[in-house]
Amino acid sequence: MAIVDVTVIPIGTETPSVSSYVADLQKILKKHEAEGTIRFQLTPMNTIIEGELSTLLGVIQEIHEAPFQKGIKRVATNIRIDDRRDKKGTMEGKLSSVQRHME
């Protein structure tokens, strides 16, 4: 199980707002979540996705392509992967671990 931090940045939008593009990506992620292949969490600055690494890489490619479907000519996608293989990790587990150290 891997956890991926991903930010898709459409370049050359008509306005500074990119929330409609983010919404399109969230719809794609909801479809994959409904299929049971991933879990995800939107944050104010990025999206965190959890699942099998090979699946996540395919999902990232799909969301990277989405702005091109709306006429954007350039997209920058930032990806950070946490792939821990000694134990199963989840988004909640990582947060719980930090919170235990704060008590």
PDB file of N, CA and C in Angstrom:
ATOM      1  N   MET A   1       0.853  -1.179   0.000  1.00  0.00           N
ATOM      2  CA  MET A   1       0.000   0.000   0.000  1.00  0.00           C
ATOM      3  C   MET A   1       0.893   1.233   0.000  1.00  0.00           C
ATOM      4  N   ALA A   2       0.644   2.121  -0.951  1.00  0.00           N
ATOM      5  CA  ALA A   2       1.413   3.358  -1.049  1.00  0.00           C
ATOM      6  C   ALA A   2       0.491   4.545  -0.800  1.00  0.00           C
ATOM      7  N   ILE A   3       1.101   5.632  -0.405  1.00  0.00           N
ATOM      8  CA  ILE A   3       0.395   6.896  -0.240  1.00  0.00           C
ATOM      9  C   ILE A   3       1.096   7.912  -1.138  1.00  0.00           C
ATOM     10  N   VAL A   4       0.305   8.607  -1.953  1.00  0.00           N
ATOM     11  CA  VAL A   4       0.855   9.548  -2.916  1.00  0.00           C
ATOM     12  C   VAL A   4       0.268  10.928  -2.658  1.00  0.00           C
ATOM     13  N   ASP A   5       1.131  11.905  -2.657  1.00  0.00           N
ATOM     14  CA  ASP A   5       0.765  13.322  -2.581  1.00  0.00           C
ATOM     15  C   ASP A   5       0.878  13.837  -4.014  1.00  0.00           C
ATOM     16  N   VAL A   6      -0.213  14.301  -4.590  1.00  0.00           N
ATOM     17  CA  VAL A   6      -0.182  14.738  -5.993  1.00  0.00           C
ATOM     18  C   VAL A   6      -0.831  16.104  -6.140  1.00  0.00           C
ATOM     19  N   THR A   7      -0.211  16.934  -6.964  1.00  0.00           N
ATOM     20  CA  THR A   7      -0.737  18.243  -7.315  1.00  0.00           C
ATOM     21  C   THR A   7      -0.673  18.385  -8.825  1.00  0.00           C
ATOM     22  N   VAL A   8      -1.816  18.598  -9.447  1.00  0.00           N
ATOM     23  CA  VAL A   8      -1.888  18.795 -10.893  1.00  0.00           C
ATOM     24  C   VAL A   8      -2.102  20.282 -11.134  1.00  0.00           C
ATOM     25  N   ILE A   9      -1.202  20.883 -11.909  1.00  0.00           N
ATOM     26  CA  ILE A   9      -1.222  22.330 -12.115  1.00  0.00           C
ATOM     27  C   ILE A   9      -1.434  22.633 -13.601  1.00  0.00           C
ATOM     28  N   PRO A  10      -2.658  23.065 -13.970  1.00  0.00           N
ATOM     29  CA  PRO A  10      -2.865  23.474 -15.357  1.00  0.00           C
ATOM     30  C   PRO A  10      -2.216  24.841 -15.581  1.00  0.00           C
ATOM     31  N   ILE A  11      -1.463  24.957 -16.640  1.00  0.00           N
ATOM     32  CA  ILE A  11      -0.750  26.204 -16.925  1.00  0.00           C
ATOM     33  C   ILE A  11      -1.399  26.874 -18.142  1.00  0.00           C
ATOM     34  N   GLY A  12      -1.709  28.158 -18.004  1.00  0.00           N
ATOM     35  CA  GLY A  12      -2.309  28.906 -19.104  1.00  0.00           C
ATOM     36  C   GLY A  12      -3.821  28.947 -19.028  1.00  0.00           C
ATOM     37  N   THR A  13      -4.363  28.908 -17.808  1.00  0.00           N
ATOM     38  CA  THR A  13      -5.813  28.997 -17.652  1.00  0.00           C
ATOM     39  C   THR A  13      -6.273  30.428 -17.913  1.00  0.00           C
ATOM     40  N   GLU A  14      -7.552  30.579 -18.222  1.00  0.00           N
ATOM     41  CA  GLU A  14      -8.091  31.905 -18.526  1.00  0.00           C
ATOM     42  C   GLU A  14      -8.119  32.824 -17.314  1.00  0.00           C
ATOM     43  N   THR A  15      -8.286  32.234 -16.105  1.00  0.00           N
ATOM     44  CA  THR A  15      -8.319  33.022 -14.879  1.00  0.00           C
ATOM     45  C   THR A  15      -7.352  32.395 -13.877  1.00  0.00           C
ATOM     46  N   PRO A  16      -7.026  33.111 -12.799  1.00  0.00           N
ATOM     47  CA  PRO A  16      -6.145  32.542 -11.783  1.00  0.00           C
ATOM     48  C   PRO A  16      -6.765  31.357 -11.040  1.00  0.00           C
ATOM     49  N   SER A  17      -8.098  31.237 -11.046  1.00  0.00           N
ATOM     50  CA  SER A  17      -8.770  30.160 -10.329  1.00  0.00           C
ATOM     51  C   SER A  17      -8.605  28.833 -11.067  1.00  0.00           C
ATOM     52  N   VAL A  18      -8.310  27.780 -10.308  1.00  0.00           N
ATOM     53  CA  VAL A  18      -8.204  26.445 -10.899  1.00  0.00           C
ATOM     54  C   VAL A  18      -9.174  25.458 -10.243  1.00  0.00           C
ATOM     55  N   SER A  19     -10.124  25.975  -9.458  1.00  0.00           N
ATOM     56  CA  SER A  19     -11.019  25.086  -8.719  1.00  0.00           C
ATOM     57  C   SER A  19     -11.859  24.197  -9.626  1.00  0.00           C
ATOM     58  N   SER A  20     -12.236  24.652 -10.816  1.00  0.00           N
ATOM     59  CA  SER A  20     -13.013  23.793 -11.718  1.00  0.00           C
ATOM     60  C   SER A  20     -12.169  22.612 -12.204  1.00  0.00           C
ATOM     61  N   TYR A  21     -10.865  22.842 -12.378  1.00  0.00           N
ATOM     62  CA  TYR A  21      -9.975  21.752 -12.779  1.00  0.00           C
ATOM     63  C   TYR A  21      -9.802  20.762 -11.629  1.00  0.00           C
ATOM     64  N   VAL A  22      -9.662  21.290 -10.429  1.00  0.00           N
ATOM     65  CA  VAL A  22      -9.543  20.427  -9.242  1.00  0.00           C
ATOM     66  C   VAL A  22     -10.807  19.586  -9.098  1.00  0.00           C
ATOM     67  N   ALA A  23     -11.971  20.181  -9.314  1.00  0.00           N
ATOM     68  CA  ALA A  23     -13.234  19.449  -9.216  1.00  0.00           C
ATOM     69  C   ALA A  23     -13.282  18.310 -10.233  1.00  0.00           C
ATOM     70  N   ASP A  24     -12.796  18.551 -11.436  1.00  0.00           N
ATOM     71  CA  ASP A  24     -12.759  17.487 -12.448  1.00  0.00           C
ATOM     72  C   ASP A  24     -11.904  16.313 -11.974  1.00  0.00           C
ATOM     73  N   LEU A  25     -10.765  16.621 -11.368  1.00  0.00           N
ATOM     74  CA  LEU A  25      -9.876  15.572 -10.878  1.00  0.00           C
ATOM     75  C   LEU A  25     -10.530  14.798  -9.745  1.00  0.00           C
ATOM     76  N   GLN A  26     -11.236  15.500  -8.878  1.00  0.00           N
ATOM     77  CA  GLN A  26     -11.897  14.846  -7.751  1.00  0.00           C
ATOM     78  C   GLN A  26     -12.982  13.880  -8.243  1.00  0.00           C
ATOM     79  N   LYS A  27     -13.664  14.234  -9.325  1.00  0.00           N
ATOM     80  CA  LYS A  27     -14.672  13.338  -9.904  1.00  0.00           C
ATOM     81  C   LYS A  27     -14.025  12.041 -10.401  1.00  0.00           C
ATOM     82  N   ILE A  28     -12.870  12.163 -11.013  1.00  0.00           N
ATOM     83  CA  ILE A  28     -12.136  10.973 -11.479  1.00  0.00           C
ATOM     84  C   ILE A  28     -11.746  10.117 -10.284  1.00  0.00           C
ATOM     85  N   LEU A  29     -11.241  10.763  -9.235  1.00  0.00           N
ATOM     86  CA  LEU A  29     -10.826  10.025  -8.041  1.00  0.00           C
ATOM     87  C   LEU A  29     -12.017   9.362  -7.357  1.00  0.00           C
ATOM     88  N   LYS A  30     -13.159  10.033  -7.315  1.00  0.00           N
ATOM     89  CA  LYS A  30     -14.367   9.439  -6.718  1.00  0.00           C
ATOM     90  C   LYS A  30     -14.781   8.176  -7.465  1.00  0.00           C
ATOM     91  N   LYS A  31     -14.632   8.197  -8.780  1.00  0.00           N
ATOM     92  CA  LYS A  31     -14.967   7.014  -9.589  1.00  0.00           C
ATOM     93  C   LYS A  31     -14.077   5.846  -9.180  1.00  0.00           C
ATOM     94  N   HIS A  32     -12.784   6.082  -9.047  1.00  0.00           N
ATOM     95  CA  HIS A  32     -11.853   5.017  -8.649  1.00  0.00           C
ATOM     96  C   HIS A  32     -12.115   4.563  -7.218  1.00  0.00           C
ATOM     97  N   GLU A  33     -12.461   5.506  -6.348  1.00  0.00           N
ATOM     98  CA  GLU A  33     -12.762   5.146  -4.965  1.00  0.00           C
ATOM     99  C   GLU A  33     -14.024   4.274  -4.906  1.00  0.00           C
ATOM    100  N   ALA A  34     -15.021   4.603  -5.709  1.00  0.00           N
ATOM    101  CA  ALA A  34     -16.254   3.813  -5.747  1.00  0.00           C
ATOM    102  C   ALA A  34     -15.988   2.394  -6.243  1.00  0.00           C
ATOM    103  N   GLU A  35     -14.984   2.248  -7.094  1.00  0.00           N
ATOM    104  CA  GLU A  35     -14.584   0.922  -7.582  1.00  0.00           C
ATOM    105  C   GLU A  35     -13.791   0.155  -6.530  1.00  0.00           C
ATOM    106  N   GLY A  36     -13.371   0.852  -5.467  1.00  0.00           N
ATOM    107  CA  GLY A  36     -12.634   0.212  -4.386  1.00  0.00           C
ATOM    108  C   GLY A  36     -11.145   0.065  -4.623  1.00  0.00           C
ATOM    109  N   THR A  37     -10.604   0.789  -5.605  1.00  0.00           N
ATOM    110  CA  THR A  37      -9.180   0.639  -5.922  1.00  0.00           C
ATOM    111  C   THR A  37      -8.290   1.647  -5.205  1.00  0.00           C
ATOM    112  N   ILE A  38      -8.876   2.776  -4.762  1.00  0.00           N
ATOM    113  CA  ILE A  38      -8.099   3.798  -4.062  1.00  0.00           C
ATOM    114  C   ILE A  38      -8.941   4.403  -2.943  1.00  0.00           C
ATOM    115  N   ARG A  39      -8.270   5.150  -2.084  1.00  0.00           N
ATOM    116  CA  ARG A  39      -8.904   6.078  -1.147  1.00  0.00           C
ATOM    117  C   ARG A  39      -8.199   7.406  -1.366  1.00  0.00           C
ATOM    118  N   PHE A  40      -8.897   8.520  -1.144  1.00  0.00           N
ATOM    119  CA  PHE A  40      -8.233   9.806  -1.360  1.00  0.00           C
ATOM    120  C   PHE A  40      -8.782  10.855  -0.412  1.00  0.00           C
ATOM    121  N   GLN A  41      -8.001  11.915  -0.275  1.00  0.00           N
ATOM    122  CA  GLN A  41      -8.384  13.035   0.576  1.00  0.00           C
ATOM    123  C   GLN A  41      -7.914  14.324  -0.083  1.00  0.00           C
ATOM    124  N   LEU A  42      -8.841  15.223  -0.339  1.00  0.00           N
ATOM    125  CA  LEU A  42      -8.510  16.545  -0.869  1.00  0.00           C
ATOM    126  C   LEU A  42      -8.063  17.430   0.287  1.00  0.00           C
ATOM    127  N   THR A  43      -6.990  18.180   0.087  1.00  0.00           N
ATOM    128  CA  THR A  43      -6.541  19.177   1.048  1.00  0.00           C
ATOM    129  C   THR A  43      -6.547  20.531   0.336  1.00  0.00           C
ATOM    130  N   PRO A  44      -6.338  21.627   1.043  1.00  0.00           N
ATOM    131  CA  PRO A  44      -6.327  22.927   0.377  1.00  0.00           C
ATOM    132  C   PRO A  44      -5.210  23.094  -0.665  1.00  0.00           C
ATOM    133  N   MET A  45      -4.158  22.277  -0.563  1.00  0.00           N
ATOM    134  CA  MET A  45      -3.008  22.460  -1.450  1.00  0.00           C
ATOM    135  C   MET A  45      -2.701  21.282  -2.362  1.00  0.00           C
ATOM    136  N   ASN A  46      -3.322  20.111  -2.111  1.00  0.00           N
ATOM    137  CA  ASN A  46      -2.995  18.921  -2.895  1.00  0.00           C
ATOM    138  C   ASN A  46      -4.055  17.854  -2.660  1.00  0.00           C
ATOM    139  N   THR A  47      -3.819  16.685  -3.207  1.00  0.00           N
ATOM    140  CA  THR A  47      -4.675  15.539  -2.951  1.00  0.00           C
ATOM    141  C   THR A  47      -3.784  14.381  -2.529  1.00  0.00           C
ATOM    142  N   ILE A  48      -4.210  13.660  -1.501  1.00  0.00           N
ATOM    143  CA  ILE A  48      -3.505  12.481  -1.025  1.00  0.00           C
ATOM    144  C   ILE A  48      -4.293  11.267  -1.513  1.00  0.00           C
ATOM    145  N   ILE A  49      -3.604  10.326  -2.134  1.00  0.00           N
ATOM    146  CA  ILE A  49      -4.255   9.125  -2.658  1.00  0.00           C
ATOM    147  C   ILE A  49      -3.553   7.907  -2.075  1.00  0.00           C
ATOM    148  N   GLU A  50      -4.338   6.901  -1.707  1.00  0.00           N
ATOM    149  CA  GLU A  50      -3.814   5.688  -1.079  1.00  0.00           C
ATOM    150  C   GLU A  50      -4.266   4.480  -1.889  1.00  0.00           C
ATOM    151  N   GLY A  51      -3.339   3.552  -2.133  1.00  0.00           N
ATOM    152  CA  GLY A  51      -3.679   2.330  -2.857  1.00  0.00           C
ATOM    153  C   GLY A  51      -2.428   1.590  -3.272  1.00  0.00           C
ATOM    154  N   GLU A  52      -2.611   0.586  -4.125  1.00  0.00           N
ATOM    155  CA  GLU A  52      -1.466  -0.139  -4.671  1.00  0.00           C
ATOM    156  C   GLU A  52      -0.717   0.785  -5.639  1.00  0.00           C
ATOM    157  N   LEU A  53       0.605   0.762  -5.571  1.00  0.00           N
ATOM    158  CA  LEU A  53       1.403   1.708  -6.347  1.00  0.00           C
ATOM    159  C   LEU A  53       1.101   1.634  -7.839  1.00  0.00           C
ATOM    160  N   SER A  54       0.993   0.450  -8.392  1.00  0.00           N
ATOM    161  CA  SER A  54       0.731   0.342  -9.840  1.00  0.00           C
ATOM    162  C   SER A  54      -0.609   0.980 -10.194  1.00  0.00           C
ATOM    163  N   THR A  55      -1.608   0.824  -9.343  1.00  0.00           N
ATOM    164  CA  THR A  55      -2.908   1.452  -9.562  1.00  0.00           C
ATOM    165  C   THR A  55      -2.791   2.964  -9.459  1.00  0.00           C
ATOM    166  N   LEU A  56      -2.078   3.422  -8.430  1.00  0.00           N
ATOM    167  CA  LEU A  56      -1.929   4.865  -8.230  1.00  0.00           C
ATOM    168  C   LEU A  56      -1.256   5.534  -9.420  1.00  0.00           C
ATOM    169  N   LEU A  57      -0.258   4.894  -9.976  1.00  0.00           N
ATOM    170  CA  LEU A  57       0.437   5.493 -11.117  1.00  0.00           C
ATOM    171  C   LEU A  57      -0.497   5.647 -12.312  1.00  0.00           C
ATOM    172  N   GLY A  58      -1.387   4.673 -12.520  1.00  0.00           N
ATOM    173  CA  GLY A  58      -2.376   4.793 -13.585  1.00  0.00           C
ATOM    174  C   GLY A  58      -3.374   5.900 -13.318  1.00  0.00           C
ATOM    175  N   VAL A  59      -3.804   6.017 -12.070  1.00  0.00           N
ATOM    176  CA  VAL A  59      -4.742   7.077 -11.686  1.00  0.00           C
ATOM    177  C   VAL A  59      -4.084   8.442 -11.855  1.00  0.00           C
ATOM    178  N   ILE A  60      -2.824   8.555 -11.465  1.00  0.00           N
ATOM    179  CA  ILE A  60      -2.108   9.828 -11.624  1.00  0.00           C
ATOM    180  C   ILE A  60      -2.029  10.212 -13.096  1.00  0.00           C
ATOM    181  N   GLN A  61      -1.763   9.246 -13.957  1.00  0.00           N
ATOM    182  CA  GLN A  61      -1.731   9.555 -15.387  1.00  0.00           C
ATOM    183  C   GLN A  61      -3.097  10.056 -15.858  1.00  0.00           C
ATOM    184  N   GLU A  62      -4.158   9.427 -15.372  1.00  0.00           N
ATOM    185  CA  GLU A  62      -5.507   9.835 -15.764  1.00  0.00           C
ATOM    186  C   GLU A  62      -5.824  11.261 -15.314  1.00  0.00           C
ATOM    187  N   ILE A  63      -5.482  11.601 -14.080  1.00  0.00           N
ATOM    188  CA  ILE A  63      -5.777  12.966 -13.624  1.00  0.00           C
ATOM    189  C   ILE A  63      -4.833  13.987 -14.252  1.00  0.00           C
ATOM    190  N   HIS A  64      -3.618  13.578 -14.590  1.00  0.00           N
ATOM    191  CA  HIS A  64      -2.694  14.470 -15.297  1.00  0.00           C
ATOM    192  C   HIS A  64      -3.249  14.830 -16.670  1.00  0.00           C
ATOM    193  N   GLU A  65      -3.894  13.880 -17.323  1.00  0.00           N
ATOM    194  CA  GLU A  65      -4.441  14.098 -18.665  1.00  0.00           C
ATOM    195  C   GLU A  65      -5.705  14.954 -18.666  1.00  0.00           C
ATOM    196  N   ALA A  66      -6.436  14.984 -17.557  1.00  0.00           N
ATOM    197  CA  ALA A  66      -7.745  15.644 -17.518  1.00  0.00           C
ATOM    198  C   ALA A  66      -7.727  17.114 -17.971  1.00  0.00           C
ATOM    199  N   PRO A  67      -6.789  17.955 -17.522  1.00  0.00           N
ATOM    200  CA  PRO A  67      -6.812  19.353 -17.983  1.00  0.00           C
ATOM    201  C   PRO A  67      -6.616  19.491 -19.501  1.00  0.00           C
ATOM    202  N   PHE A  68      -5.893  18.565 -20.096  1.00  0.00           N
ATOM    203  CA  PHE A  68      -5.720  18.613 -21.548  1.00  0.00           C
ATOM    204  C   PHE A  68      -7.066  18.437 -22.246  1.00  0.00           C
ATOM    205  N   GLN A  69      -7.951  17.656 -21.634  1.00  0.00           N
ATOM    206  CA  GLN A  69      -9.283  17.432 -22.213  1.00  0.00           C
ATOM    207  C   GLN A  69     -10.129  18.704 -22.204  1.00  0.00           C
ATOM    208  N   LYS A  70      -9.752  19.664 -21.376  1.00  0.00           N
ATOM    209  CA  LYS A  70     -10.466  20.951 -21.319  1.00  0.00           C
ATOM    210  C   LYS A  70      -9.743  22.034 -22.124  1.00  0.00           C
ATOM    211  N   GLY A  71      -8.777  21.644 -22.929  1.00  0.00           N
ATOM    212  CA  GLY A  71      -8.114  22.596 -23.803  1.00  0.00           C
ATOM    213  C   GLY A  71      -6.822  23.187 -23.278  1.00  0.00           C
ATOM    214  N   ILE A  72      -6.411  22.814 -22.074  1.00  0.00           N
ATOM    215  CA  ILE A  72      -5.135  23.306 -21.548  1.00  0.00           C
ATOM    216  C   ILE A  72      -3.999  22.705 -22.385  1.00  0.00           C
ATOM    217  N   LYS A  73      -3.002  23.498 -22.669  1.00  0.00           N
ATOM    218  CA  LYS A  73      -1.890  23.044 -23.515  1.00  0.00           C
ATOM    219  C   LYS A  73      -0.663  22.609 -22.725  1.00  0.00           C
ATOM    220  N   ARG A  74      -0.641  22.935 -21.424  1.00  0.00           N
ATOM    221  CA  ARG A  74       0.523  22.567 -20.600  1.00  0.00           C
ATOM    222  C   ARG A  74       0.045  22.244 -19.187  1.00  0.00           C
ATOM    223  N   VAL A  75       0.555  21.131 -18.633  1.00  0.00           N
ATOM    224  CA  VAL A  75       0.191  20.695 -17.289  1.00  0.00           C
ATOM    225  C   VAL A  75       1.460  20.267 -16.562  1.00  0.00           C
ATOM    226  N   ALA A  76       1.636  20.764 -15.345  1.00  0.00           N
ATOM    227  CA  ALA A  76       2.742  20.331 -14.484  1.00  0.00           C
ATOM    228  C   ALA A  76       2.139  19.537 -13.331  1.00  0.00           C
ATOM    229  N   THR A  77       2.611  18.328 -13.119  1.00  0.00           N
ATOM    230  CA  THR A  77       2.107  17.482 -12.043  1.00  0.00           C
ATOM    231  C   THR A  77       3.250  17.130 -11.107  1.00  0.00           C
ATOM    232  N   ASN A  78       3.062  17.452  -9.835  1.00  0.00           N
ATOM    233  CA  ASN A  78       4.042  17.121  -8.802  1.00  0.00           C
ATOM    234  C   ASN A  78       3.563  15.884  -8.063  1.00  0.00           C
ATOM    235  N   ILE A  79       4.484  14.926  -7.870  1.00  0.00           N
ATOM    236  CA  ILE A  79       4.143  13.662  -7.217  1.00  0.00           C
ATOM    237  C   ILE A  79       5.178  13.371  -6.134  1.00  0.00           C
ATOM    238  N   ARG A  80       4.685  12.959  -4.967  1.00  0.00           N
ATOM    239  CA  ARG A  80       5.561  12.475  -3.901  1.00  0.00           C
ATOM    240  C   ARG A  80       4.972  11.141  -3.440  1.00  0.00           C
ATOM    241  N   ILE A  81       5.784  10.095  -3.430  1.00  0.00           N
ATOM    242  CA  ILE A  81       5.314   8.747  -3.123  1.00  0.00           C
ATOM    243  C   ILE A  81       5.929   8.264  -1.821  1.00  0.00           C
ATOM    244  N   ASP A  82       5.077   7.756  -0.923  1.00  0.00           N
ATOM    245  CA  ASP A  82       5.523   7.078   0.298  1.00  0.00           C
ATOM    246  C   ASP A  82       5.129   5.616   0.136  1.00  0.00           C
ATOM    247  N   ASP A  83       6.097   4.775  -0.127  1.00  0.00           N
ATOM    248  CA  ASP A  83       5.853   3.347  -0.395  1.00  0.00           C
ATOM    249  C   ASP A  83       6.597   2.529   0.646  1.00  0.00           C
ATOM    250  N   ARG A  84       5.936   2.285   1.769  1.00  0.00           N
ATOM    251  CA  ARG A  84       6.548   1.544   2.868  1.00  0.00           C
ATOM    252  C   ARG A  84       6.156   0.076   2.754  1.00  0.00           C
ATOM    253  N   ARG A  85       7.145  -0.813   2.772  1.00  0.00           N
ATOM    254  CA  ARG A  85       6.866  -2.221   2.525  1.00  0.00           C
ATOM    255  C   ARG A  85       7.006  -3.116   3.753  1.00  0.00           C
ATOM    256  N   ASP A  86       7.426  -2.565   4.892  1.00  0.00           N
ATOM    257  CA  ASP A  86       7.592  -3.412   6.079  1.00  0.00           C
ATOM    258  C   ASP A  86       6.299  -3.563   6.870  1.00  0.00           C
ATOM    259  N   LYS A  87       5.328  -2.673   6.631  1.00  0.00           N
ATOM    260  CA  LYS A  87       4.017  -2.805   7.264  1.00  0.00           C
ATOM    261  C   LYS A  87       3.009  -2.007   6.456  1.00  0.00           C
ATOM    262  N   LYS A  88       1.743  -2.354   6.628  1.00  0.00           N
ATOM    263  CA  LYS A  88       0.688  -1.651   5.911  1.00  0.00           C
ATOM    264  C   LYS A  88       0.501  -0.272   6.520  1.00  0.00           C
ATOM    265  N   GLY A  89       0.497   0.727   5.691  1.00  0.00           N
ATOM    266  CA  GLY A  89       0.310   2.090   6.160  1.00  0.00           C
ATOM    267  C   GLY A  89      -0.927   2.708   5.542  1.00  0.00           C
ATOM    268  N   THR A  90      -1.551   3.586   6.286  1.00  0.00           N
ATOM    269  CA  THR A  90      -2.708   4.328   5.786  1.00  0.00           C
ATOM    270  C   THR A  90      -2.530   5.801   6.112  1.00  0.00           C
ATOM    271  N   MET A  91      -3.341   6.620   5.499  1.00  0.00           N
ATOM    272  CA  MET A  91      -3.303   8.051   5.780  1.00  0.00           C
ATOM    273  C   MET A  91      -3.573   8.295   7.268  1.00  0.00           C
ATOM    274  N   GLU A  92      -4.598   7.625   7.788  1.00  0.00           N
ATOM    275  CA  GLU A  92      -4.963   7.801   9.192  1.00  0.00           C
ATOM    276  C   GLU A  92      -3.867   7.283  10.128  1.00  0.00           C
ATOM    277  N   GLY A  93      -3.241   6.181   9.739  1.00  0.00           N
ATOM    278  CA  GLY A  93      -2.178   5.619  10.561  1.00  0.00           C
ATOM    279  C   GLY A  93      -0.996   6.556  10.697  1.00  0.00           C
ATOM    280  N   LYS A  94      -0.652   7.229   9.608  1.00  0.00           N
ATOM    281  CA  LYS A  94       0.457   8.185   9.667  1.00  0.00           C
ATOM    282  C   LYS A  94       0.126   9.339  10.607  1.00  0.00           C
ATOM    283  N   LEU A  95      -1.113   9.830  10.539  1.00  0.00           N
ATOM    284  CA  LEU A  95      -1.514  10.924  11.423  1.00  0.00           C
ATOM    285  C   LEU A  95      -1.554  10.476  12.876  1.00  0.00           C
ATOM    286  N   SER A  96      -2.071   9.284  13.129  1.00  0.00           N
ATOM    287  CA  SER A  96      -2.138   8.763  14.490  1.00  0.00           C
ATOM    288  C   SER A  96      -0.749   8.629  15.102  1.00  0.00           C
ATOM    289  N   SER A  97       0.209   8.197  14.314  1.00  0.00           N
ATOM    290  CA  SER A  97       1.573   8.030  14.802  1.00  0.00           C
ATOM    291  C   SER A  97       2.139   9.362  15.289  1.00  0.00           C
ATOM    292  N   VAL A  98       1.925  10.405  14.517  1.00  0.00           N
ATOM    293  CA  VAL A  98       2.413  11.739  14.912  1.00  0.00           C
ATOM    294  C   VAL A  98       1.676  12.214  16.162  1.00  0.00           C
ATOM    295  N   GLN A  99       0.368  12.021  16.193  1.00  0.00           N
ATOM    296  CA  GLN A  99      -0.412  12.474  17.344  1.00  0.00           C
ATOM    297  C   GLN A  99       0.005  11.775  18.634  1.00  0.00           C
ATOM    298  N   ARG A 100       0.348  10.485  18.553  1.00  0.00           N
ATOM    299  CA  ARG A 100       0.822   9.786  19.752  1.00  0.00           C
ATOM    300  C   ARG A 100       2.096  10.409  20.301  1.00  0.00           C
ATOM    301  N   HIS A 101       2.940  10.883  19.431  1.00  0.00           N
ATOM    302  CA  HIS A 101       4.199  11.525  19.872  1.00  0.00           C
ATOM    303  C   HIS A 101       3.961  12.910  20.482  1.00  0.00           C
ATOM    304  N   MET A 102       2.800  13.474  20.234  1.00  0.00           N
ATOM    305  CA  MET A 102       2.499  14.809  20.742  1.00  0.00           C
ATOM    306  C   MET A 102       1.886  14.758  22.135  1.00  0.00           C
ATOM    307  N   GLU A 103       1.474  13.588  22.599  1.00  0.00           N
ATOM    308  CA  GLU A 103       0.821  13.474  23.909  1.00  0.00           C
ATOM    309  C   GLU A 103       1.806  13.510  25.042  1.00  0.00           C
TER     310      GLU A 103
END
